[in-house]
Each structure stands twice: as structure tokens, then as C-alpha cells.
Amino acid sequence: MDRSKKEQELLLGTLDMLVLQTLVMGPAHGHTIAHVIEHTSEDVLQIEQGSLYPALHRLEDRGWVSSYWGPSENNRKARFYKLTAAGRKRLTVETNRWQSMVEAIGRVLARAGE
């Protein structure tokens, strides 16, 4: 697998993990999911609709989220996404993988600073 493909998968996996983590709090529509990620990251992470909605569809195709139509805060029809049991399991796997990667990068950075 070439480098750009691996980088793209890492970025998609990271977005997937962030979306799943956001849905732990309960069902939400796309705009709210993006807002929560941006707000929680203190606006370091900016989620574009062109990335978010394909991620939500991918997660739904994999059975990690389900969706339904309902009224938004301003009483407009919106699609809400909900974490499934399989999504909770996947979030645990992805969180553990992410933590391992962060720890490994930390070790390399600490050694480089010696």
C-alpha cells in the first residue's frame, strides 16, 4: 500500500473515531456532530461537510451507526445518527489503537529530544 493511501486511511479512521466518540453522548445530526468536535477541540479540528457526511454514510454502511429522520433544534427535518452496539465496540478498538500510536510517537519524540 502506498504512503498516501495509508495516510488517507489514518485520517478517515481518525474522523470515524471522533464521530463515534461524539455519538456516545446520544443521537445527533451532522451539524451538531461537527460542532461538538470543533468545540471540544477548541476549534483546532475543523470538520468539513465534504468529509463528515461520507464518514457518516461509511459508518452506517459498516453498521457502527444507525440513522433516522427527526426535527432539528429549529424544527427542520434532519437526519440523526445514533451509535450502535457494534459502533461502541469499534470505538473501543479505535481508541486503543489511537492511544498506542500516541504513546509510540511520544516515545520517539522523547528520545529525539535527548
C-alpha atoms as a PDB file:
ATOM      1  CA  MET A   1       0.000   0.000   0.000  1.00  0.00           C
ATOM      2  CA  ASP A   2       1.475   3.370  -0.949  1.00  0.00           C
ATOM      3  CA  ARG A   3       2.079   6.120   1.578  1.00  0.00           C
ATOM      4  CA  SER A   4      -0.776   8.452   0.529  1.00  0.00           C
ATOM      5  CA  LYS A   5      -3.283   5.584   0.772  1.00  0.00           C
ATOM      6  CA  LYS A   6      -2.092   4.789   4.330  1.00  0.00           C
ATOM      7  CA  GLU A   7      -2.263   8.464   5.311  1.00  0.00           C
ATOM      8  CA  GLN A   8      -5.774   8.740   3.881  1.00  0.00           C
ATOM      9  CA  GLU A   9      -6.895   5.643   5.839  1.00  0.00           C
ATOM     10  CA  LEU A  10      -5.395   7.091   9.027  1.00  0.00           C
ATOM     11  CA  LEU A  11      -7.258  10.363   8.536  1.00  0.00           C
ATOM     12  CA  LEU A  12     -10.531   8.575   7.737  1.00  0.00           C
ATOM     13  CA  GLY A  13     -10.087   6.295  10.745  1.00  0.00           C
ATOM     14  CA  THR A  14      -9.422   9.288  12.967  1.00  0.00           C
ATOM     15  CA  LEU A  15     -12.557  11.084  11.764  1.00  0.00           C
ATOM     16  CA  ASP A  16     -14.562   7.883  12.215  1.00  0.00           C
ATOM     17  CA  MET A  17     -13.295   7.576  15.791  1.00  0.00           C
ATOM     18  CA  LEU A  18     -14.147  11.207  16.557  1.00  0.00           C
ATOM     19  CA  VAL A  19     -17.664  10.804  15.158  1.00  0.00           C
ATOM     20  CA  LEU A  20     -18.229   7.605  17.132  1.00  0.00           C
ATOM     21  CA  GLN A  21     -16.946   9.284  20.301  1.00  0.00           C
ATOM     22  CA  THR A  22     -19.284  12.233  19.750  1.00  0.00           C
ATOM     23  CA  LEU A  23     -22.255   9.889  19.408  1.00  0.00           C
ATOM     24  CA  VAL A  24     -21.530   8.310  22.814  1.00  0.00           C
ATOM     25  CA  MET A  25     -23.390  11.324  24.237  1.00  0.00           C
ATOM     26  CA  GLY A  26     -26.506  10.389  22.268  1.00  0.00           C
ATOM     27  CA  PRO A  27     -28.064  10.785  18.823  1.00  0.00           C
ATOM     28  CA  ALA A  28     -27.118  13.896  16.854  1.00  0.00           C
ATOM     29  CA  HIS A  29     -27.402  15.278  13.348  1.00  0.00           C
ATOM     30  CA  GLY A  30     -24.394  16.131  11.209  1.00  0.00           C
ATOM     31  CA  HIS A  31     -24.218  19.819  12.058  1.00  0.00           C
ATOM     32  CA  THR A  32     -24.201  19.050  15.784  1.00  0.00           C
ATOM     33  CA  ILE A  33     -21.551  16.330  15.377  1.00  0.00           C
ATOM     34  CA  ALA A  34     -19.244  18.745  13.543  1.00  0.00           C
ATOM     35  CA  HIS A  35     -19.889  21.491  16.100  1.00  0.00           C
ATOM     36  CA  VAL A  36     -19.157  19.214  19.073  1.00  0.00           C
ATOM     37  CA  ILE A  37     -15.861  18.023  17.552  1.00  0.00           C
ATOM     38  CA  GLU A  38     -14.824  21.579  16.713  1.00  0.00           C
ATOM     39  CA  HIS A  39     -15.860  22.980  20.108  1.00  0.00           C
ATOM     40  CA  THR A  40     -14.305  20.125  22.098  1.00  0.00           C
ATOM     41  CA  SER A  41     -11.020  20.509  20.200  1.00  0.00           C
ATOM     42  CA  GLU A  42     -11.108  24.269  20.903  1.00  0.00           C
ATOM     43  CA  ASP A  43     -11.519  24.826  17.145  1.00  0.00           C
ATOM     44  CA  VAL A  44      -8.252  23.074  16.277  1.00  0.00           C
ATOM     45  CA  LEU A  45     -10.204  20.450  14.332  1.00  0.00           C
ATOM     46  CA  GLN A  46     -12.466  21.805  11.608  1.00  0.00           C
ATOM     47  CA  ILE A  47     -14.864  19.246  10.139  1.00  0.00           C
ATOM     48  CA  GLU A  48     -15.937  19.943   6.576  1.00  0.00           C
ATOM     49  CA  GLN A  49     -19.307  18.674   5.326  1.00  0.00           C
ATOM     50  CA  GLY A  50     -17.481  17.102   2.389  1.00  0.00           C
ATOM     51  CA  SER A  51     -15.662  14.827   4.865  1.00  0.00           C
ATOM     52  CA  LEU A  52     -18.316  14.415   7.549  1.00  0.00           C
ATOM     53  CA  TYR A  53     -21.244  13.112   5.505  1.00  0.00           C
ATOM     54  CA  PRO A  54     -19.213  10.480   3.607  1.00  0.00           C
ATOM     55  CA  ALA A  55     -17.860   9.374   7.018  1.00  0.00           C
ATOM     56  CA  LEU A  56     -21.389   9.102   8.443  1.00  0.00           C
ATOM     57  CA  HIS A  57     -22.517   7.058   5.434  1.00  0.00           C
ATOM     58  CA  ARG A  58     -19.431   4.832   5.725  1.00  0.00           C
ATOM     59  CA  LEU A  59     -20.104   4.273   9.445  1.00  0.00           C
ATOM     60  CA  GLU A  60     -23.733   3.464   8.713  1.00  0.00           C
ATOM     61  CA  ASP A  61     -22.751   1.027   5.937  1.00  0.00           C
ATOM     62  CA  ARG A  62     -20.467  -0.750   8.421  1.00  0.00           C
ATOM     63  CA  GLY A  63     -23.256  -0.960  10.998  1.00  0.00           C
ATOM     64  CA  TRP A  64     -21.469   1.260  13.517  1.00  0.00           C
ATOM     65  CA  VAL A  65     -24.192   3.927  13.450  1.00  0.00           C
ATOM     66  CA  SER A  66     -27.849   3.914  12.525  1.00  0.00           C
ATOM     67  CA  SER A  67     -29.888   6.881  11.386  1.00  0.00           C
ATOM     68  CA  TYR A  68     -33.423   8.203  11.418  1.00  0.00           C
ATOM     69  CA  TRP A  69     -35.247  11.384  10.410  1.00  0.00           C
ATOM     70  CA  GLY A  70     -36.453  13.823  13.053  1.00  0.00           C
ATOM     71  CA  PRO A  71     -36.888  17.531  13.768  1.00  0.00           C
ATOM     72  CA  SER A  72     -33.765  19.618  14.429  1.00  0.00           C
ATOM     73  CA  GLU A  73     -33.492  22.379  17.046  1.00  0.00           C
ATOM     74  CA  ASN A  74     -35.021  24.847  14.581  1.00  0.00           C
ATOM     75  CA  ASN A  75     -37.830  22.400  13.743  1.00  0.00           C
ATOM     76  CA  ARG A  76     -36.446  21.430  10.329  1.00  0.00           C
ATOM     77  CA  LYS A  77     -36.267  17.858   9.128  1.00  0.00           C
ATOM     78  CA  ALA A  78     -32.790  16.425   9.839  1.00  0.00           C
ATOM     79  CA  ARG A  79     -31.110  13.037   9.748  1.00  0.00           C
ATOM     80  CA  PHE A  80     -29.957  11.945  13.200  1.00  0.00           C
ATOM     81  CA  TYR A  81     -27.211   9.391  13.763  1.00  0.00           C
ATOM     82  CA  LYS A  82     -27.054   7.002  16.703  1.00  0.00           C
ATOM     83  CA  LEU A  83     -24.211   4.788  17.904  1.00  0.00           C
ATOM     84  CA  THR A  84     -24.915   1.053  17.644  1.00  0.00           C
ATOM     85  CA  ALA A  85     -23.544  -1.720  19.880  1.00  0.00           C
ATOM     86  CA  ALA A  86     -21.118  -2.625  17.083  1.00  0.00           C
ATOM     87  CA  GLY A  87     -20.098   1.040  16.934  1.00  0.00           C
ATOM     88  CA  ARG A  88     -19.336   1.053  20.659  1.00  0.00           C
ATOM     89  CA  LYS A  89     -17.101  -1.992  20.215  1.00  0.00           C
ATOM     90  CA  ARG A  90     -15.374  -0.380  17.239  1.00  0.00           C
ATOM     91  CA  LEU A  91     -14.828   2.819  19.211  1.00  0.00           C
ATOM     92  CA  THR A  92     -13.027   0.824  21.901  1.00  0.00           C
ATOM     93  CA  VAL A  93     -10.775  -0.813  19.276  1.00  0.00           C
ATOM     94  CA  GLU A  94     -10.024   2.517  17.577  1.00  0.00           C
ATOM     95  CA  THR A  95      -9.422   4.339  20.867  1.00  0.00           C
ATOM     96  CA  ASN A  96      -6.951   1.659  21.992  1.00  0.00           C
ATOM     97  CA  ARG A  97      -5.185   1.803  18.609  1.00  0.00           C
ATOM     98  CA  TRP A  98      -5.014   5.595  18.800  1.00  0.00           C
ATOM     99  CA  GLN A  99      -3.644   5.525  22.362  1.00  0.00           C
ATOM    100  CA  SER A 100      -0.942   3.048  21.317  1.00  0.00           C
ATOM    101  CA  MET A 101       0.035   5.281  18.411  1.00  0.00           C
ATOM    102  CA  VAL A 102       0.165   8.415  20.594  1.00  0.00           C
ATOM    103  CA  GLU A 103       2.330   6.606  23.152  1.00  0.00           C
ATOM    104  CA  ALA A 104       4.683   5.343  20.429  1.00  0.00           C
ATOM    105  CA  ILE A 105       5.031   8.811  18.913  1.00  0.00           C
ATOM    106  CA  GLY A 106       5.649  10.218  22.405  1.00  0.00           C
ATOM    107  CA  ARG A 107       8.474   7.734  22.949  1.00  0.00           C
ATOM    108  CA  VAL A 108      10.091   8.680  19.641  1.00  0.00           C
ATOM    109  CA  LEU A 109       9.781  12.411  20.378  1.00  0.00           C
ATOM    110  CA  ALA A 110      11.172  11.969  23.894  1.00  0.00           C
ATOM    111  CA  ARG A 111      14.138  10.022  22.559  1.00  0.00           C
ATOM    112  CA  ALA A 112      14.752  12.572  19.800  1.00  0.00           C
ATOM    113  CA  GLY A 113      14.954  15.279  22.461  1.00  0.00           C
ATOM    114  CA  GLU A 114      17.724  13.502  24.400  1.00  0.00           C
END
